[in-house]
Amino acid sequence: MPQVRKMTGEELVIAAQAGDGAAFAEVCRRFAGLVYKYACQPAVAGIKEEAAAEGWLALAGAVQTYDLSTGIPFAGYARQQVRYAVWNLFKRERRRWQREVPLTGGDREDGEYSLLTTLAAPDNVELAAEEAAIAGAVKEALAALPDKQRLVIVATLLGDVRLTEIAARWGITPQAVYGLRQRGLTCLHKQLTGLSILR
């Protein structure tokens, strides 16, 4: 009996986008570890179930919104979406905690901990979440670019495609491709300059 070729993550996502329930279930199975990794971080230990729910919603959203033409691997795209969703949940909960729990006061001897002590994770979760927020901002800025500018930036700076390859594919000169990339980078710089997460 011939073996069926195992589908890549991108192939599964395309099938899921077309309405294949089995493909969607397989994507969820493959990325369950990713969801639980971010849902089980120390900073969201008290709201692990909510974090997992946010992670699953983000994964489902990533399947719906993934665009193969960007050249970004689905695994990286999904990781960014899940991290960003859990980070947003953490920020919402932190604002709520700060209204309800004093940031300082209490010590280990009387059985209480400050919120700052509770949130101080040894693996620097906040830095990881900040990186995810930055990645999200860059993704949004990239999505706002004209198609050709976005594709050139993703292919040449995030991938390993040469300007000459794109020029041959599109039937234009490498200088024209370079110009598209520079205009796109200028737009990105304008959009991202001044964002609080990049300060």
Protein backbone atom coordinates (compact mmCIF):
# COMPACT_ATOMS: atom_id res chain seq x y z
CA MET A 1 0.00 0.00 0.00
CA PRO A 2 1.62 3.33 -1.06
CA GLN A 3 2.35 5.86 1.67
CA VAL A 4 0.65 9.26 1.51
CA ARG A 5 3.14 12.13 1.45
CA LYS A 6 3.09 14.15 4.65
CA MET A 7 1.84 17.67 3.95
CA THR A 8 3.93 20.68 4.90
CA GLY A 9 2.56 23.27 7.31
CA GLU A 10 1.89 25.67 4.46
CA GLU A 11 0.02 23.00 2.45
CA LEU A 12 -2.12 22.16 5.47
CA VAL A 13 -2.96 25.82 6.05
CA ILE A 14 -3.99 26.31 2.41
CA ALA A 15 -6.21 23.21 2.66
CA ALA A 16 -7.68 24.49 5.94
CA GLN A 17 -8.38 27.88 4.35
CA ALA A 18 -10.29 26.03 1.63
CA GLY A 19 -12.54 24.44 4.28
CA ASP A 20 -10.75 21.13 4.93
CA GLY A 21 -11.60 20.35 8.57
CA ALA A 22 -9.09 17.51 8.82
CA ALA A 23 -6.29 19.82 7.66
CA PHE A 24 -7.30 22.43 10.27
CA ALA A 25 -7.33 19.75 12.98
CA GLU A 26 -3.83 18.65 11.93
CA VAL A 27 -2.56 22.26 12.08
CA CYS A 28 -3.97 22.50 15.62
CA ARG A 29 -2.34 19.19 16.56
CA ARG A 30 1.05 20.28 15.24
CA PHE A 31 0.95 23.65 16.98
CA ALA A 32 -0.59 22.57 20.30
CA GLY A 33 2.86 22.67 21.90
CA LEU A 34 3.33 26.27 20.79
CA VAL A 35 0.00 27.35 22.31
CA TYR A 36 0.74 25.63 25.63
CA LYS A 37 4.30 26.97 25.69
CA TYR A 38 3.05 30.56 25.79
CA ALA A 39 -0.01 29.79 27.92
CA CYS A 40 2.18 28.23 30.62
CA GLN A 41 4.59 31.14 31.05
CA PRO A 42 5.12 32.22 34.69
CA ALA A 43 3.68 35.69 34.04
CA VAL A 44 0.28 34.24 33.09
CA ALA A 45 0.30 31.27 35.47
CA GLY A 46 -2.80 32.53 37.26
CA ILE A 47 -4.79 32.80 34.04
CA LYS A 48 -3.40 29.79 32.20
CA GLU A 49 -6.80 28.70 30.83
CA GLU A 50 -7.54 32.17 29.47
CA ALA A 51 -4.04 32.37 27.97
CA ALA A 52 -4.54 28.99 26.28
CA ALA A 53 -7.90 30.14 24.89
CA GLU A 54 -6.29 33.32 23.53
CA GLY A 55 -3.51 31.22 22.02
CA TRP A 56 -5.96 28.88 20.27
CA LEU A 57 -7.97 31.82 18.93
CA ALA A 58 -4.74 33.41 17.66
CA LEU A 59 -3.71 30.16 15.97
CA ALA A 60 -7.11 29.87 14.27
CA GLY A 61 -6.83 33.50 13.19
CA ALA A 62 -3.33 32.84 11.83
CA VAL A 63 -4.71 30.00 9.69
CA GLN A 64 -7.39 32.32 8.29
CA THR A 65 -5.11 35.31 7.61
CA TYR A 66 -1.90 33.57 6.48
CA ASP A 67 -0.77 34.70 3.04
CA LEU A 68 1.64 32.30 1.31
CA SER A 69 2.72 35.00 -1.15
CA THR A 70 4.57 36.92 1.58
CA GLY A 71 7.19 34.17 1.70
CA ILE A 72 7.03 34.03 5.51
CA PRO A 73 6.90 30.44 6.84
CA PHE A 74 3.61 29.66 8.58
CA ALA A 75 5.41 28.38 11.69
CA GLY A 76 6.99 31.80 12.25
CA TYR A 77 3.76 33.63 11.48
CA ALA A 78 1.77 31.44 13.88
CA ARG A 79 4.36 31.84 16.64
CA GLN A 80 4.20 35.61 16.29
CA GLN A 81 0.39 35.66 16.40
CA VAL A 82 0.18 33.41 19.47
CA ARG A 83 2.90 35.29 21.36
CA TYR A 84 1.28 38.63 20.57
CA ALA A 85 -2.18 37.42 21.69
CA VAL A 86 -0.88 36.10 25.02
CA TRP A 87 1.14 39.28 25.55
CA ASN A 88 -1.97 41.41 24.97
CA LEU A 89 -3.88 39.29 27.50
CA PHE A 90 -1.03 39.72 29.98
CA LYS A 91 -1.10 43.51 29.50
CA ARG A 92 -4.89 43.63 30.04
CA GLU A 93 -4.63 41.53 33.18
CA ARG A 94 -1.65 43.53 34.47
CA ARG A 95 -3.68 46.74 34.20
CA ARG A 96 -6.47 45.06 36.15
CA TRP A 97 -4.06 43.74 38.78
CA GLN A 98 -2.48 47.15 39.20
CA ARG A 99 -5.90 48.60 40.03
CA GLU A 100 -6.61 45.83 42.53
CA VAL A 101 -3.23 44.85 44.03
CA PRO A 102 -0.52 47.20 45.34
CA LEU A 103 2.70 47.07 43.36
CA THR A 104 4.77 47.03 46.53
CA GLY A 105 4.12 46.01 50.10
CA GLY A 106 3.88 42.62 51.67
CA ASP A 107 6.78 40.23 51.96
CA ARG A 108 7.47 36.56 51.95
CA GLU A 109 7.35 36.27 55.74
CA ASP A 110 3.69 37.24 56.03
CA GLY A 111 2.74 35.12 53.02
CA GLU A 112 2.23 38.00 50.56
CA TYR A 113 4.21 38.94 47.48
CA SER A 114 4.41 42.18 45.58
CA LEU A 115 3.05 42.13 42.03
CA LEU A 116 6.46 43.11 40.69
CA THR A 117 8.03 40.08 42.37
CA THR A 118 5.32 37.81 40.97
CA LEU A 119 5.83 39.11 37.45
CA ALA A 120 9.62 38.83 37.49
CA ALA A 121 10.13 35.71 35.39
CA PRO A 122 13.60 34.12 35.20
CA ASP A 123 13.38 33.66 31.42
CA ASN A 124 12.52 37.33 30.79
CA VAL A 125 8.99 36.82 29.54
CA GLU A 126 8.42 40.57 29.30
CA LEU A 127 11.32 40.98 26.88
CA ALA A 128 10.00 38.10 24.77
CA ALA A 129 6.54 39.66 24.78
CA GLU A 130 7.99 43.04 23.84
CA GLU A 131 9.73 41.41 20.90
CA ALA A 132 6.40 39.91 19.86
CA ALA A 133 4.75 43.33 20.07
CA ILE A 134 7.48 44.79 17.87
CA ALA A 135 7.07 41.93 15.40
CA GLY A 136 3.33 42.62 15.33
CA ALA A 137 3.89 46.31 14.65
CA VAL A 138 6.32 45.49 11.82
CA LYS A 139 3.82 43.00 10.36
CA GLU A 140 1.05 45.61 10.36
CA ALA A 141 3.36 48.17 8.76
CA LEU A 142 4.41 45.63 6.12
CA ALA A 143 0.78 44.78 5.38
CA ALA A 144 0.07 48.47 4.70
CA LEU A 145 2.71 48.66 1.94
CA PRO A 146 1.86 48.26 -1.75
CA ASP A 147 2.11 44.59 -2.76
CA LYS A 148 5.34 44.82 -4.77
CA GLN A 149 7.18 46.81 -2.11
CA ARG A 150 6.11 44.33 0.57
CA LEU A 151 7.07 41.30 -1.53
CA VAL A 152 10.52 42.73 -2.37
CA ILE A 153 11.27 43.51 1.29
CA VAL A 154 10.13 40.09 2.52
CA ALA A 155 11.91 38.18 -0.26
CA THR A 156 15.25 40.02 -0.12
CA LEU A 157 15.59 41.03 3.53
CA LEU A 158 13.69 38.28 5.34
CA GLY A 159 14.42 35.62 2.74
CA ASP A 160 17.46 34.97 0.54
CA VAL A 161 16.11 35.99 -2.87
CA ARG A 162 18.32 38.31 -4.96
CA LEU A 163 17.18 41.51 -6.62
CA THR A 164 18.16 40.08 -9.99
CA GLU A 165 15.91 37.03 -9.48
CA ILE A 166 12.90 39.24 -8.73
CA ALA A 167 13.74 41.50 -11.66
CA ALA A 168 13.82 38.51 -14.03
CA ARG A 169 10.54 37.17 -12.61
CA TRP A 170 8.74 40.52 -13.00
CA GLY A 171 10.41 41.55 -16.26
CA ILE A 172 11.93 44.76 -14.85
CA THR A 173 15.46 45.93 -14.08
CA PRO A 174 17.26 45.19 -10.80
CA GLN A 175 17.47 48.97 -10.29
CA ALA A 176 13.67 49.17 -10.43
CA VAL A 177 13.40 46.38 -7.86
CA TYR A 178 15.95 48.18 -5.66
CA GLY A 179 13.88 51.36 -5.94
CA LEU A 180 10.74 49.48 -4.84
CA ARG A 181 12.58 48.12 -1.83
CA GLN A 182 13.97 51.53 -0.84
CA ARG A 183 10.55 53.20 -1.11
CA GLY A 184 9.06 50.41 1.00
CA LEU A 185 11.76 50.75 3.65
CA THR A 186 11.24 54.51 3.77
CA CYS A 187 7.50 53.97 4.35
CA LEU A 188 8.22 51.41 7.06
CA HIS A 189 10.61 53.79 8.79
CA LYS A 190 7.96 56.54 8.81
CA GLN A 191 5.26 54.20 10.14
CA LEU A 192 7.41 52.69 12.89
CA THR A 193 9.24 55.82 14.06
CA GLY A 194 7.85 57.03 17.35
CA LEU A 195 6.01 53.86 18.34
CA SER A 196 6.24 53.48 22.11
CA ILE A 197 7.26 49.81 21.87
CA LEU A 198 10.33 50.79 19.83
CA ARG A 199 11.60 53.43 22.25
